Protein backbone atom coordinates (compact mmCIF):
# COMPACT_ATOMS: atom_id res chain seq x y z
CA MET A 1 3.38 21.80 -0.53
CA LYS A 2 4.45 22.63 -3.89
CA VAL A 3 4.94 19.36 -5.94
CA LEU A 4 6.29 19.24 -9.93
CA VAL A 5 5.56 15.88 -11.50
CA THR A 6 7.22 14.99 -14.57
CA GLY A 7 5.32 12.29 -17.06
CA ALA A 8 2.10 13.71 -15.92
CA THR A 9 0.08 12.63 -18.52
CA GLY A 10 1.93 8.86 -18.44
CA PHE A 11 0.35 5.80 -17.13
CA ILE A 12 1.81 6.25 -13.68
CA GLY A 13 1.73 10.28 -13.67
CA ARG A 14 -2.24 10.45 -14.37
CA HIS A 15 -2.74 8.57 -11.38
CA VAL A 16 -0.22 10.34 -9.22
CA ILE A 17 -1.84 13.32 -9.90
CA ARG A 18 -5.19 12.40 -8.78
CA ASP A 19 -3.80 11.06 -5.48
CA LEU A 20 -2.17 14.47 -4.74
CA LEU A 21 -5.16 16.44 -5.68
CA GLY A 22 -7.06 14.67 -3.07
CA ARG A 23 -4.14 15.69 -0.05
CA ASN A 24 -4.59 19.24 -1.19
CA HIS A 25 -0.98 19.63 -2.75
CA SER A 26 -0.08 22.58 -5.08
CA ILE A 27 0.55 20.62 -8.45
CA THR A 28 2.58 21.53 -11.02
CA ALA A 29 2.23 18.75 -13.80
CA VAL A 30 4.88 18.62 -16.56
CA ALA A 31 4.42 16.86 -19.82
CA ARG A 32 4.93 17.22 -23.84
CA ASN A 33 1.62 16.75 -24.83
CA PRO A 34 -1.02 19.76 -23.64
CA GLN A 35 -3.87 17.52 -25.82
CA ARG A 36 -3.51 14.38 -23.36
CA MET A 37 -3.85 17.04 -20.45
CA GLU A 38 -7.09 18.00 -21.90
CA GLU A 39 -8.54 14.83 -22.71
CA LEU A 40 -7.65 14.04 -18.66
CA GLY A 41 -10.12 16.84 -17.86
CA TRP A 42 -7.82 17.77 -14.70
CA PRO A 43 -9.50 20.38 -12.35
CA GLY A 44 -7.97 24.45 -12.93
CA GLU A 45 -5.96 24.04 -9.38
CA VAL A 46 -3.43 21.84 -11.51
CA LYS A 47 -1.22 24.13 -13.30
CA PHE A 48 0.14 22.10 -16.46
CA VAL A 49 3.47 23.50 -18.29
CA SER A 50 3.85 21.42 -22.05
CA CYS A 51 7.60 21.54 -22.08
CA ASP A 52 10.52 18.82 -22.57
CA ILE A 53 12.62 18.35 -19.22
CA HIS A 54 15.39 17.45 -21.29
CA ALA A 55 15.82 20.84 -22.88
CA LYS A 56 18.63 23.14 -22.08
CA ASP A 57 16.64 26.17 -21.14
CA LEU A 58 14.00 24.29 -19.01
CA ASN A 59 14.54 26.48 -15.94
CA GLU A 60 13.70 29.35 -17.94
CA THR A 61 10.13 27.51 -18.67
CA VAL A 62 9.69 25.94 -14.99
CA LYS A 63 11.37 27.45 -12.29
CA LEU A 64 12.70 24.30 -10.47
CA GLY A 65 13.95 25.72 -7.36
CA ASP A 66 10.51 27.02 -6.75
CA PHE A 67 9.09 23.48 -5.75
CA ASP A 68 9.38 21.67 -2.45
CA TYR A 69 9.28 18.19 -3.85
CA LEU A 70 10.21 17.07 -7.50
CA MET A 71 8.15 13.44 -8.42
CA HIS A 72 10.01 12.13 -11.54
CA VAL A 73 8.32 9.77 -13.36
CA ALA A 74 9.01 10.42 -16.69
CA TRP A 75 11.07 8.38 -18.71
CA PRO A 76 10.69 7.99 -22.72
CA GLY A 77 11.22 4.85 -24.71
CA LEU A 78 9.21 2.46 -23.17
CA PRO A 79 8.23 -0.51 -23.66
CA ASN A 80 11.49 -1.23 -25.83
CA TYR A 81 13.82 -1.87 -22.94
CA LYS A 82 16.77 -3.35 -25.02
CA SER A 83 16.90 0.03 -27.21
CA LEU A 84 20.65 1.73 -26.30
CA PHE A 85 18.38 4.85 -26.82
CA HIS A 86 18.12 4.71 -22.87
CA LEU A 87 21.85 4.83 -22.13
CA GLU A 88 23.12 7.03 -25.23
CA LYS A 89 20.15 9.95 -25.20
CA VAL A 90 18.14 9.35 -22.01
CA LEU A 91 20.61 8.94 -19.53
CA PRO A 92 23.11 11.84 -19.93
CA ALA A 93 20.08 13.93 -20.20
CA GLU A 94 18.33 12.56 -17.06
CA CYS A 95 21.61 13.38 -15.45
CA GLN A 96 21.52 17.00 -16.40
CA PHE A 97 17.95 17.40 -15.85
CA LEU A 98 18.06 16.09 -12.04
CA LYS A 99 21.12 18.31 -11.50
CA SER A 100 19.74 21.20 -12.59
CA ALA A 101 16.66 20.88 -10.27
CA ILE A 102 19.08 20.22 -7.45
CA LYS A 103 21.32 23.16 -8.01
CA ALA A 104 18.10 25.14 -8.41
CA GLY A 105 17.04 24.24 -4.68
CA CYS A 106 14.88 21.48 -4.85
CA ARG A 107 15.87 19.67 -2.00
CA ASN A 108 13.50 16.51 -1.80
CA ILE A 109 13.79 14.64 -5.03
CA LEU A 110 11.33 11.31 -5.89
CA VAL A 111 12.80 8.96 -8.69
CA THR A 112 10.87 5.92 -9.82
CA GLY A 113 13.31 3.07 -10.78
CA THR A 114 12.72 -0.39 -11.65
CA CYS A 115 12.89 -3.93 -10.56
CA PHE A 116 15.18 -4.71 -13.48
CA GLU A 117 17.81 -3.24 -11.53
CA TYR A 118 18.01 -6.37 -9.90
CA GLY A 119 18.69 -8.29 -12.94
CA MET A 120 18.34 -12.00 -13.37
CA GLN A 121 17.86 -12.87 -9.93
CA ASN A 122 15.20 -15.17 -8.84
CA GLY A 123 13.24 -15.08 -5.38
CA CYS A 124 12.28 -12.44 -3.36
CA LEU A 125 13.89 -9.23 -4.03
CA HIS A 126 15.14 -6.60 -1.38
CA GLU A 127 16.77 -3.09 -1.44
CA GLY A 128 20.05 -4.46 0.14
CA MET A 129 20.71 -6.67 -2.67
CA GLU A 130 23.41 -5.92 -5.43
CA THR A 131 22.25 -4.58 -8.61
CA ARG A 132 22.90 -6.60 -11.68
CA PRO A 133 20.83 -4.87 -14.82
CA VAL A 134 20.84 -6.78 -17.83
CA ASN A 135 19.18 -4.43 -20.25
CA PRO A 136 20.01 -0.98 -21.49
CA TYR A 137 16.98 0.27 -19.84
CA ALA A 138 17.81 -1.25 -16.30
CA LEU A 139 21.20 -0.09 -16.85
CA ALA A 140 20.45 3.28 -17.39
CA LYS A 141 18.18 3.59 -14.48
CA ASP A 142 20.62 1.86 -12.29
CA THR A 143 23.49 4.25 -13.21
CA LEU A 144 21.39 7.30 -12.71
CA ARG A 145 20.42 6.33 -9.07
CA ARG A 146 24.34 5.74 -8.27
CA TYR A 147 24.74 9.03 -10.06
CA LEU A 148 22.64 10.91 -7.79
CA GLU A 149 24.18 9.07 -4.78
CA ALA A 150 27.49 10.52 -5.66
CA LEU A 151 25.82 14.11 -6.39
CA SER A 152 24.38 13.80 -2.70
CA GLU A 153 27.88 13.71 -1.09
CA SER A 154 28.44 17.11 -2.41
CA ASP A 155 25.07 18.86 -2.69
CA SER A 156 22.71 18.51 0.39
CA PHE A 157 19.36 16.82 -0.74
CA ASN A 158 16.92 14.08 0.22
CA LEU A 159 16.63 11.13 -2.57
CA LYS A 160 13.96 8.71 -2.79
CA TRP A 161 14.45 6.15 -5.38
CA ALA A 162 11.16 4.14 -5.69
CA ARG A 163 11.65 0.57 -7.81
CA MET A 164 8.87 -0.08 -9.58
CA PHE A 165 7.17 -3.71 -10.14
CA TYR A 166 4.56 -4.48 -12.25
CA MET A 167 1.26 -2.59 -12.19
CA TYR A 168 -2.23 -2.59 -14.20
CA GLY A 169 -5.11 -0.37 -14.39
CA ALA A 170 -6.82 2.50 -16.65
CA GLY A 171 -4.38 4.11 -19.16
CA GLN A 172 -1.48 1.05 -19.65
CA ASN A 173 0.06 0.69 -22.40
CA GLN A 174 -2.00 -0.83 -25.20
CA ARG A 175 0.87 -3.51 -25.50
CA SER A 176 0.31 -4.82 -21.98
CA LEU A 177 -0.81 -8.09 -21.41
CA LEU A 178 -4.05 -7.12 -19.56
CA SER A 179 -4.83 -4.40 -22.20
CA GLN A 180 -4.02 -7.02 -25.27
CA LEU A 181 -6.69 -9.37 -23.10
CA ASP A 182 -9.13 -6.67 -23.15
CA SER A 183 -9.11 -5.82 -26.76
CA ALA A 184 -9.37 -9.55 -27.53
CA LEU A 185 -12.67 -9.66 -25.23
CA GLU A 186 -13.77 -6.55 -26.73
CA ARG A 187 -13.60 -8.14 -30.33
CA GLY A 188 -15.21 -11.28 -29.15
CA ASP A 189 -11.62 -13.43 -29.83
CA LYS A 190 -12.20 -17.18 -29.06
CA GLU A 191 -8.57 -17.65 -28.01
CA PHE A 192 -6.07 -15.57 -26.21
CA PRO A 193 -2.55 -16.32 -27.30
CA MET A 194 -0.01 -15.67 -24.27
CA SER A 195 3.17 -17.28 -22.51
CA GLY A 196 2.97 -20.92 -20.51
CA GLY A 197 1.66 -18.30 -17.80
CA GLU A 198 3.51 -20.08 -14.88
CA GLN A 199 6.33 -17.31 -14.54
CA LEU A 200 5.60 -15.39 -11.10
CA ARG A 201 5.69 -11.54 -10.81
CA ASP A 202 4.67 -8.99 -8.40
CA TYR A 203 1.42 -6.89 -9.28
CA LEU A 204 -0.40 -4.16 -8.02
CA PRO A 205 -2.99 -1.78 -8.99
CA VAL A 206 -1.72 1.41 -10.76
CA GLU A 207 -3.90 3.48 -8.03
CA ARG A 208 -1.97 1.79 -4.87
CA VAL A 209 1.19 2.31 -6.69
CA ALA A 210 0.27 6.20 -7.01
CA SER A 211 -0.89 6.07 -3.52
CA SER A 212 2.30 4.61 -2.12
CA LEU A 213 4.37 6.87 -4.38
CA VAL A 214 2.67 9.98 -2.90
CA ASP A 215 2.96 8.25 0.68
CA LEU A 216 6.92 8.12 0.53
CA LEU A 217 6.88 11.60 -1.16
CA GLU A 218 5.35 12.91 1.93
CA ASN A 219 7.35 11.05 4.36
CA THR A 220 10.38 13.29 5.52
CA SER A 221 12.36 10.32 7.14
CA ALA A 222 12.32 8.33 4.44
CA LYS A 223 14.99 8.37 1.87
CA GLY A 224 17.09 5.94 -0.34
CA VAL A 225 15.55 2.86 -2.31
CA PHE A 226 12.29 1.45 -1.77
CA ASN A 227 10.56 -1.31 -3.44
CA ILE A 228 6.86 -0.48 -4.73
CA CYS A 229 5.24 -3.79 -4.26
CA SER A 230 2.58 -6.01 -3.07
CA GLY A 231 5.39 -8.43 -1.64
CA GLN A 232 3.34 -11.24 -3.01
CA PRO A 233 4.27 -13.91 -5.91
CA VAL A 234 1.34 -14.40 -8.31
CA SER A 235 1.66 -16.18 -11.73
CA VAL A 236 0.82 -14.66 -14.76
CA ARG A 237 -1.88 -17.37 -15.62
CA ARG A 238 -3.65 -16.49 -12.46
CA LEU A 239 -3.44 -12.57 -12.76
CA VAL A 240 -5.16 -13.36 -16.37
CA GLU A 241 -7.81 -15.26 -14.69
CA GLU A 242 -8.48 -13.37 -12.06
CA HIS A 243 -8.83 -10.08 -14.44
CA LEU A 244 -11.37 -12.54 -16.41
CA LEU A 245 -13.20 -13.08 -13.07
CA ARG A 246 -13.29 -9.43 -12.36
CA ARG A 247 -14.74 -8.73 -15.84
CA GLY A 248 -17.49 -11.44 -15.65
CA LYS A 249 -15.99 -12.83 -19.33
CA GLN A 250 -14.54 -15.89 -20.77
CA ILE A 251 -11.98 -16.61 -23.34
CA SER A 252 -9.93 -19.93 -24.36
CA LEU A 253 -6.33 -19.24 -23.00
CA LYS A 254 -3.78 -20.23 -25.50
CA LEU A 255 -0.79 -20.97 -23.18
CA GLY A 256 2.55 -21.57 -24.54
CA HIS A 257 1.92 -19.67 -27.54
CA TYR A 258 4.81 -17.18 -26.79
CA PRO A 259 8.03 -17.92 -25.59
CA TYR A 260 8.81 -16.49 -22.02
CA PRO A 261 10.60 -13.13 -22.25
CA ASP A 262 14.62 -13.28 -21.91
CA TYR A 263 15.04 -9.91 -20.10
CA GLU A 264 13.79 -10.98 -16.90
CA PRO A 265 13.83 -14.25 -14.18
CA PHE A 266 11.21 -16.52 -14.35
CA ALA A 267 10.19 -16.19 -10.65
CA PHE A 268 10.91 -13.02 -9.01
CA TRP A 269 8.84 -10.91 -6.42
CA GLY A 270 9.54 -7.76 -4.34
CA SER A 271 10.29 -7.48 -0.60
CA ASN A 272 7.73 -4.51 0.76
CA LYS A 273 9.14 -4.69 4.42
CA LYS A 274 11.28 -1.78 4.33
CA PHE A 275 8.37 0.34 2.90
CA ARG A 276 6.02 -0.93 5.63
CA GLY A 277 8.30 -0.12 7.97
CA LEU A 278 7.75 3.61 7.34
CA ASN A 279 3.92 3.17 9.41
CA ILE A 280 2.19 4.77 6.82
CA GLU A 281 -1.42 4.30 7.67
């Protein structure tokens, strides 16, 4: 099938492209910076288009109606979750972009959401729960989902909303926890300052996240909201310690140096029961 991938050179997007390639799909990758595409060294069968998906003349550059599937993983301005930019600038542009794709004839759309849509709710989070976003990024994502659901009542298309939890791996943001840990190890630091590390989160390697997204995209019967997660709570301290074991490295953890984040609950993880119910092999 013909797949259009936005945010193709980003942390998730680059792994999605690799997974799609392994399944022999026809891929058009969209991102703003062509140099990053060259650095990734994608084979010639990936068609790359350098453009701004929020541009008004996008459909002249990328014929949105030519694709069987749209996998939309792009979202600018992260990891600054508290910026009003997400609501004031990104949200209206996202609504216009996705509406344009639907009006052009794209009938199968997968959009990545966020576990932050659940807000400050602790415990195991499942798709049937009420969303309670508390930061501008999460509110913008949740509002976009509601807009698309309302749009689907008048325009026939299949919407898959993939709520992302936490992920790690090659290409992640340099300000992320494990990236900072790797930098400290490379510098030969004796200590690694971090939070108390007792908060519980839900983590997956980014390769598994990408594979799950492509599985969801390919499943013709799937629709609605799906958590993309492990279903298992893991403490941040354990995540760090297991990463050190994998690398065969040692460093003293300076626990409690940073306060716990105020934009997320202390202990939460996702339920992947709905996703597993798709019986994807």
